[in-house]
Protein backbone atom coordinates (compact mmCIF):
# COMPACT_ATOMS: atom_id res chain seq x y z
CA UNK A 1 0.20 33.00 32.04
CA UNK A 2 0.22 29.66 30.60
CA UNK A 3 3.75 27.68 29.27
CA UNK A 4 4.42 25.49 26.58
CA UNK A 5 6.89 23.32 25.01
CA UNK A 6 8.13 22.94 21.74
CA UNK A 7 10.70 19.87 20.70
CA UNK A 8 12.39 19.28 17.41
CA UNK A 9 14.24 15.89 17.72
CA UNK A 10 16.54 15.30 15.08
CA UNK A 11 18.86 12.79 13.80
CA UNK A 12 21.99 15.14 14.87
CA UNK A 13 20.89 17.59 17.34
CA UNK A 14 17.36 17.98 19.26
CA UNK A 15 15.98 21.99 19.69
CA UNK A 16 13.48 22.46 23.09
CA UNK A 17 11.45 25.73 23.14
CA UNK A 18 9.60 27.09 25.67
CA UNK A 19 6.54 29.32 24.36
CA UNK A 20 4.43 31.89 26.64
CA UNK A 21 0.54 32.18 25.40
CA UNK A 22 1.69 34.73 22.65
CA UNK A 23 3.89 32.18 21.26
CA UNK A 24 7.06 33.86 22.11
CA UNK A 25 10.25 32.40 22.69
CA UNK A 26 10.86 32.40 26.69
CA UNK A 27 13.99 29.66 26.97
CA UNK A 28 15.58 27.79 24.61
CA UNK A 29 18.29 24.67 24.50
CA UNK A 30 19.87 22.13 22.49
CA UNK A 31 21.03 18.79 23.03
CA UNK A 32 22.22 16.11 20.81
CA UNK A 33 20.49 14.17 18.72
CA UNK A 34 17.11 11.65 20.37
CA UNK A 35 16.52 9.36 16.70
CA UNK A 36 16.29 6.51 18.74
CA UNK A 37 17.75 4.68 15.33
CA UNK A 38 20.52 6.44 15.26
CA UNK A 39 21.42 5.32 19.34
CA UNK A 40 22.94 2.57 20.67
CA UNK A 41 20.61 2.39 23.66
CA UNK A 42 17.74 2.88 21.10
CA UNK A 43 14.49 4.31 23.15
CA UNK A 44 16.08 4.63 26.55
CA UNK A 45 19.40 6.67 25.25
CA UNK A 46 16.55 8.48 23.12
CA UNK A 47 14.29 8.99 26.40
CA UNK A 48 17.12 9.80 28.42
CA UNK A 49 18.42 12.95 25.56
CA UNK A 50 15.02 14.12 25.93
CA UNK A 51 14.53 14.63 29.44
CA UNK A 52 17.84 16.14 29.72
CA UNK A 53 16.81 18.71 27.27
CA UNK A 54 13.36 19.07 29.20
CA UNK A 55 14.72 19.77 32.70
CA UNK A 56 18.02 21.81 30.92
CA UNK A 57 14.93 24.11 29.71
CA UNK A 58 13.05 24.03 32.82
CA UNK A 59 16.38 25.31 34.82
CA UNK A 60 17.08 27.64 32.21
CA UNK A 61 13.77 29.28 32.37
CA UNK A 62 12.71 28.81 35.69
CA UNK A 63 9.79 27.74 35.41
CA UNK A 64 8.88 23.62 36.53
CA UNK A 65 7.76 21.07 33.53
CA UNK A 66 5.01 20.30 35.92
CA UNK A 67 3.88 24.15 35.59
CA UNK A 68 3.59 23.43 31.18
CA UNK A 69 0.50 22.81 30.04
CA UNK A 70 1.10 21.41 26.87
CA UNK A 71 4.25 19.64 25.11
CA UNK A 72 4.33 18.43 22.15
CA UNK A 73 7.53 17.03 20.13
CA UNK A 74 8.32 15.96 16.51
CA UNK A 75 10.95 13.12 16.54
CA UNK A 76 13.05 11.67 13.98
CA UNK A 77 12.45 8.12 13.96
CA UNK A 78 9.00 7.89 14.86
CA UNK A 79 7.59 6.87 11.89
CA UNK A 80 5.16 4.04 13.41
CA UNK A 81 2.72 3.59 15.94
CA UNK A 82 5.13 1.07 18.00
CA UNK A 83 7.57 3.87 17.99
CA UNK A 84 5.51 6.01 19.21
CA UNK A 85 4.03 4.25 22.18
CA UNK A 86 7.55 2.86 22.92
CA UNK A 87 8.96 6.53 23.24
CA UNK A 88 5.41 7.83 24.88
CA UNK A 89 5.59 4.68 27.43
CA UNK A 90 9.50 6.23 29.08
CA UNK A 91 8.19 10.10 28.84
CA UNK A 92 5.99 9.19 31.09
CA UNK A 93 7.84 6.83 33.15
CA UNK A 94 10.17 10.24 33.53
CA UNK A 95 6.69 11.91 34.78
CA UNK A 96 5.89 13.94 31.84
CA UNK A 97 2.13 14.63 31.29
CA UNK A 98 -0.06 16.65 28.82
CA UNK A 99 2.16 16.14 25.59
CA UNK A 100 1.60 14.12 22.15
CA UNK A 101 4.35 12.84 19.97
CA UNK A 102 4.39 12.73 16.57
CA UNK A 103 7.30 12.26 13.60
CA UNK A 104 9.06 15.30 13.33
CA UNK A 105 7.97 15.86 9.48
CA UNK A 106 4.73 17.17 10.76
CA UNK A 107 6.20 19.58 12.34
CA UNK A 108 7.22 21.33 9.20
CA UNK A 109 4.26 21.36 8.12
CA UNK A 110 2.50 23.69 11.02
CA UNK A 111 5.52 25.83 10.94
CA UNK A 112 6.13 26.60 7.15
CA UNK A 113 2.34 26.21 6.13
CA UNK A 114 0.22 29.77 5.68
CA UNK A 115 -3.31 27.10 5.75
CA UNK A 116 -2.03 24.53 8.58
CA UNK A 117 -2.90 22.02 5.56
CA UNK A 118 -0.23 21.03 3.54
CA UNK A 119 2.74 18.41 2.23
CA UNK A 120 5.96 19.05 4.07
CA UNK A 121 8.85 17.63 1.95
CA UNK A 122 12.49 17.55 4.03
CA UNK A 123 15.83 16.38 2.77
CA UNK A 124 17.89 16.88 5.73
CA UNK A 125 20.11 13.80 7.00
CA UNK A 126 17.30 11.85 6.00
CA UNK A 127 14.19 11.91 4.02
CA UNK A 128 10.55 12.14 5.02
CA UNK A 129 7.39 13.55 3.40
CA UNK A 130 4.42 14.23 5.52
CA UNK A 131 1.58 15.71 5.17
CA UNK A 132 -2.04 17.11 6.75
CA UNK A 133 -5.03 17.99 4.66
CA UNK A 134 -8.09 20.19 5.01
CA UNK A 135 -9.87 17.47 7.30
CA UNK A 136 -6.87 16.86 9.45
CA UNK A 137 -5.99 13.35 8.50
CA UNK A 138 -2.28 13.03 8.00
CA UNK A 139 -0.36 10.75 6.28
CA UNK A 140 3.40 9.85 6.36
CA UNK A 141 5.37 8.90 3.48
CA UNK A 142 9.36 7.81 3.10
CA UNK A 143 11.45 7.74 6.13
CA UNK A 144 12.45 4.33 6.73
CA UNK A 145 15.92 4.76 4.21
CA UNK A 146 16.48 1.97 2.04
CA UNK A 147 13.40 0.55 2.56
CA UNK A 148 11.45 3.39 1.43
CA UNK A 149 13.70 4.16 -0.78
CA UNK A 150 14.55 7.99 0.42
CA UNK A 151 16.24 10.08 -1.99
CA UNK A 152 17.99 13.45 -1.96
CA UNK A 153 18.59 13.20 1.77
CA UNK A 154 22.41 14.36 2.50
CA UNK A 155 23.64 10.98 2.82
CA UNK A 156 22.59 9.52 -0.04
CA UNK A 157 23.55 12.95 -2.04
CA UNK A 158 27.28 12.03 -0.28
CA UNK A 159 26.61 8.49 -1.10
CA UNK A 160 25.91 9.22 -4.85
CA UNK A 161 28.59 11.82 -5.38
CA UNK A 162 31.19 9.44 -3.85
CA UNK A 163 29.71 6.31 -6.38
CA UNK A 164 30.17 8.67 -9.28
CA UNK A 165 33.55 8.97 -8.82
CA UNK A 166 33.81 5.44 -8.20
CA UNK A 167 32.99 5.18 -11.82
CA UNK A 168 34.93 7.74 -13.03
CA UNK A 169 38.38 6.48 -11.99
CA UNK A 170 37.42 2.93 -11.05
CA UNK A 171 34.98 1.43 -14.16
CA UNK A 172 35.48 4.32 -16.13
CA UNK A 173 31.68 4.52 -17.13
CA UNK A 174 31.51 8.64 -17.12
CA UNK A 175 33.83 11.34 -15.86
CA UNK A 176 32.50 13.59 -13.60
CA UNK A 177 33.67 16.74 -12.04
CA UNK A 178 33.51 15.67 -9.32
CA UNK A 179 36.28 13.61 -9.15
CA UNK A 180 38.92 16.20 -9.69
CA UNK A 181 37.53 18.71 -6.75
CA UNK A 182 37.29 15.68 -4.22
CA UNK A 183 41.08 14.49 -4.76
CA UNK A 184 41.74 18.34 -4.80
CA UNK A 185 40.10 18.99 -1.30
CA UNK A 186 41.48 16.19 0.24
CA UNK A 187 44.50 16.10 -1.22
CA UNK A 188 44.76 12.75 -2.67
CA UNK A 189 47.08 11.02 -5.50
CA UNK A 190 45.62 7.72 -6.37
CA UNK A 191 42.55 5.96 -6.58
CA UNK A 192 43.37 3.92 -3.61
CA UNK A 193 43.45 6.74 -1.84
CA UNK A 194 40.20 8.21 -2.96
CA UNK A 195 39.46 4.65 -1.81
CA UNK A 196 40.27 4.98 1.46
CA UNK A 197 38.62 7.79 2.08
CA UNK A 198 35.44 6.00 2.48
CA UNK A 199 36.58 5.11 5.92
CA UNK A 200 36.34 8.96 7.02
CA UNK A 201 32.67 8.94 5.59
CA UNK A 202 31.92 5.73 7.97
CA UNK A 203 33.01 7.63 11.49
CA UNK A 204 32.49 10.38 13.58
CA UNK A 205 34.93 12.31 11.27
CA UNK A 206 32.26 12.36 8.45
CA UNK A 207 30.97 15.54 8.05
CA UNK A 208 33.80 17.54 6.52
CA UNK A 209 33.64 14.53 3.43
CA UNK A 210 29.78 14.18 3.48
CA UNK A 211 29.26 18.26 3.01
CA UNK A 212 32.18 18.52 0.70
CA UNK A 213 30.67 15.74 -1.72
CA UNK A 214 27.11 17.44 -1.30
CA UNK A 215 28.76 21.13 -2.19
CA UNK A 216 30.72 19.37 -4.99
CA UNK A 217 27.05 17.43 -5.99
CA UNK A 218 25.38 20.99 -6.42
CA UNK A 219 28.23 22.43 -8.36
CA UNK A 220 28.37 19.79 -10.63
CA UNK A 221 24.77 20.26 -11.19
CA UNK A 222 24.21 23.15 -11.98
CA UNK A 223 27.10 23.24 -14.65
CA UNK A 224 25.61 20.06 -16.12
CA UNK A 225 27.81 17.51 -14.91
CA UNK A 226 26.63 14.53 -16.42
CA UNK A 227 26.73 11.86 -13.88
CA UNK A 228 25.00 14.89 -11.89
CA UNK A 229 22.33 15.23 -13.91
CA UNK A 230 21.62 11.35 -13.61
CA UNK A 231 21.58 11.68 -9.97
CA UNK A 232 19.34 14.91 -9.72
CA UNK A 233 16.50 13.03 -12.08
CA UNK A 234 16.70 10.12 -9.59
CA UNK A 235 16.14 12.05 -6.68
CA UNK A 236 13.49 14.99 -8.05
CA UNK A 237 11.63 12.25 -9.49
CA UNK A 238 11.42 10.53 -6.13
CA UNK A 239 10.29 13.92 -4.20
CA UNK A 240 7.98 15.02 -7.35
CA UNK A 241 6.47 11.00 -6.65
CA UNK A 242 6.06 11.54 -2.54
CA UNK A 243 4.18 14.84 -2.73
CA UNK A 244 2.07 13.96 -5.94
CA UNK A 245 0.97 10.55 -3.93
CA UNK A 246 0.00 13.13 -1.14
CA UNK A 247 -2.02 15.44 -3.60
CA UNK A 248 -3.58 12.29 -5.13
CA UNK A 249 -4.71 10.74 -1.84
CA UNK A 250 -5.86 13.84 0.58
CA UNK A 251 -7.75 16.58 0.49
CA UNK A 252 -6.81 20.34 0.15
CA UNK A 253 -9.04 23.08 -0.12
CA UNK A 254 -7.88 26.17 -2.01
CA UNK A 255 -7.11 26.44 -5.94
CA UNK A 256 -3.22 25.73 -4.76
CA UNK A 257 -1.90 23.02 -2.72
CA UNK A 258 1.01 24.16 -0.20
CA UNK A 259 4.22 22.25 -0.46
CA UNK A 260 6.79 23.28 2.67
CA UNK A 261 10.44 22.70 1.63
CA UNK A 262 12.51 21.77 4.85
CA UNK A 263 16.02 20.55 5.30
CA UNK A 264 19.44 22.21 4.76
CA UNK A 265 19.25 20.63 1.03
CA UNK A 266 16.19 22.77 -0.12
CA UNK A 267 17.04 25.66 2.04
CA UNK A 268 19.91 26.46 2.16
CA UNK A 269 21.91 25.06 -0.72
CA UNK A 270 22.14 26.47 -4.70
CA UNK A 271 19.29 24.34 -5.84
CA UNK A 272 17.08 25.61 -8.15
CA UNK A 273 18.02 22.82 -10.44
CA UNK A 274 16.73 20.32 -8.39
CA UNK A 275 13.44 22.13 -7.05
CA UNK A 276 12.51 23.41 -10.83
CA UNK A 277 12.62 19.99 -11.68
CA UNK A 278 10.50 18.50 -8.49
CA UNK A 279 8.64 21.09 -9.26
CA UNK A 280 7.95 20.32 -13.29
CA UNK A 281 7.98 16.34 -12.41
CA UNK A 282 4.46 17.31 -9.95
CA UNK A 283 3.02 19.04 -12.40
CA UNK A 284 2.58 16.29 -14.90
CA UNK A 285 1.95 13.57 -12.47
CA UNK A 286 -1.34 15.61 -10.80
CA UNK A 287 -2.21 18.50 -12.96
CA UNK A 288 -2.52 20.42 -10.20
CA UNK A 289 -1.63 24.03 -8.35
CA UNK A 290 0.81 24.25 -5.81
CA UNK A 291 2.25 26.63 -3.85
CA UNK A 292 6.01 25.89 -3.15
CA UNK A 293 6.86 27.29 0.94
CA UNK A 294 10.96 27.16 1.56
CA UNK A 295 10.99 26.97 5.61
CA UNK A 296 12.74 30.14 7.26
CA UNK A 297 11.30 29.18 10.98
CA UNK A 298 12.81 26.98 13.08
CA UNK A 299 10.86 24.03 12.66
CA UNK A 300 9.88 23.85 16.61
CA UNK A 301 7.90 26.99 15.78
CA UNK A 302 5.36 24.30 14.75
CA UNK A 303 4.91 22.62 17.74
CA UNK A 304 3.54 25.59 19.34
CA UNK A 305 1.00 26.43 16.12
CA UNK A 306 0.08 22.55 16.88
CA UNK A 307 -0.42 23.07 20.02
CA UNK A 308 -2.41 26.38 19.98
CA UNK A 309 -4.74 24.73 17.06
CA UNK A 310 -5.52 21.71 18.76
CA UNK A 311 -4.70 21.30 22.53
CA UNK A 312 -5.79 24.44 23.95
């Protein structure tokens, strides 16, 4: 029996899975996020986290890492060759052999695509849009935060929702339903208390505030709130531009181009207005047919699919 390891390394958590020859999960474990860009120790700390997860997976399964035929990792923060080489160097230093490292956006394509060639749009903690075309050519767009104009991810939506409240209560630009909802959720009485709440968004206590702002944004959007509609226009335009750029620069066989949607913003929230806007704008930009697939499997499944397609 041969065994394979898949790793999905994100900004907040890392998922490790040991697969058998039938792509069945034999064992799995999770550790903290392994995006080096979020860690004080950068590549060294990220590699330590990854090795910790691999050794824990080995202990749980009783299968030695040296007995694993191949390991494939999709890691957030691996956006260009320098980052790839730095991470591989450290993993080799631990003694890891027979492995490949890619940006985590590519394993989404392999996890959700029916053909193996698709565009993958991810709106989770961050944003990336990766594609693998029918010839195997790979292209990554976004993923560099403000430097690549990333929009539509959870942190961006929360920031824009907070800004919408600021524009309402401090600048009087436009009213938004997010203001009352946010004040009520966190028992705020004054705009000074609202402004002070930003400190909670900038610490390790940020999750309740970020999630609330995201929820209030989608609630407002679905009810036609003007500020939310404007935010949606921005992020749907950007997401559509990413998908269209892939469709225009890569070659996909068949009548339809698959688009795999992943990340909590695209798969777990009431986002029909956002998705409909993306689809409309992509059609206007390209004139091509697309098939949109919400990813329902763990992205780590894309690792074993990729291994079976190219490394066995």
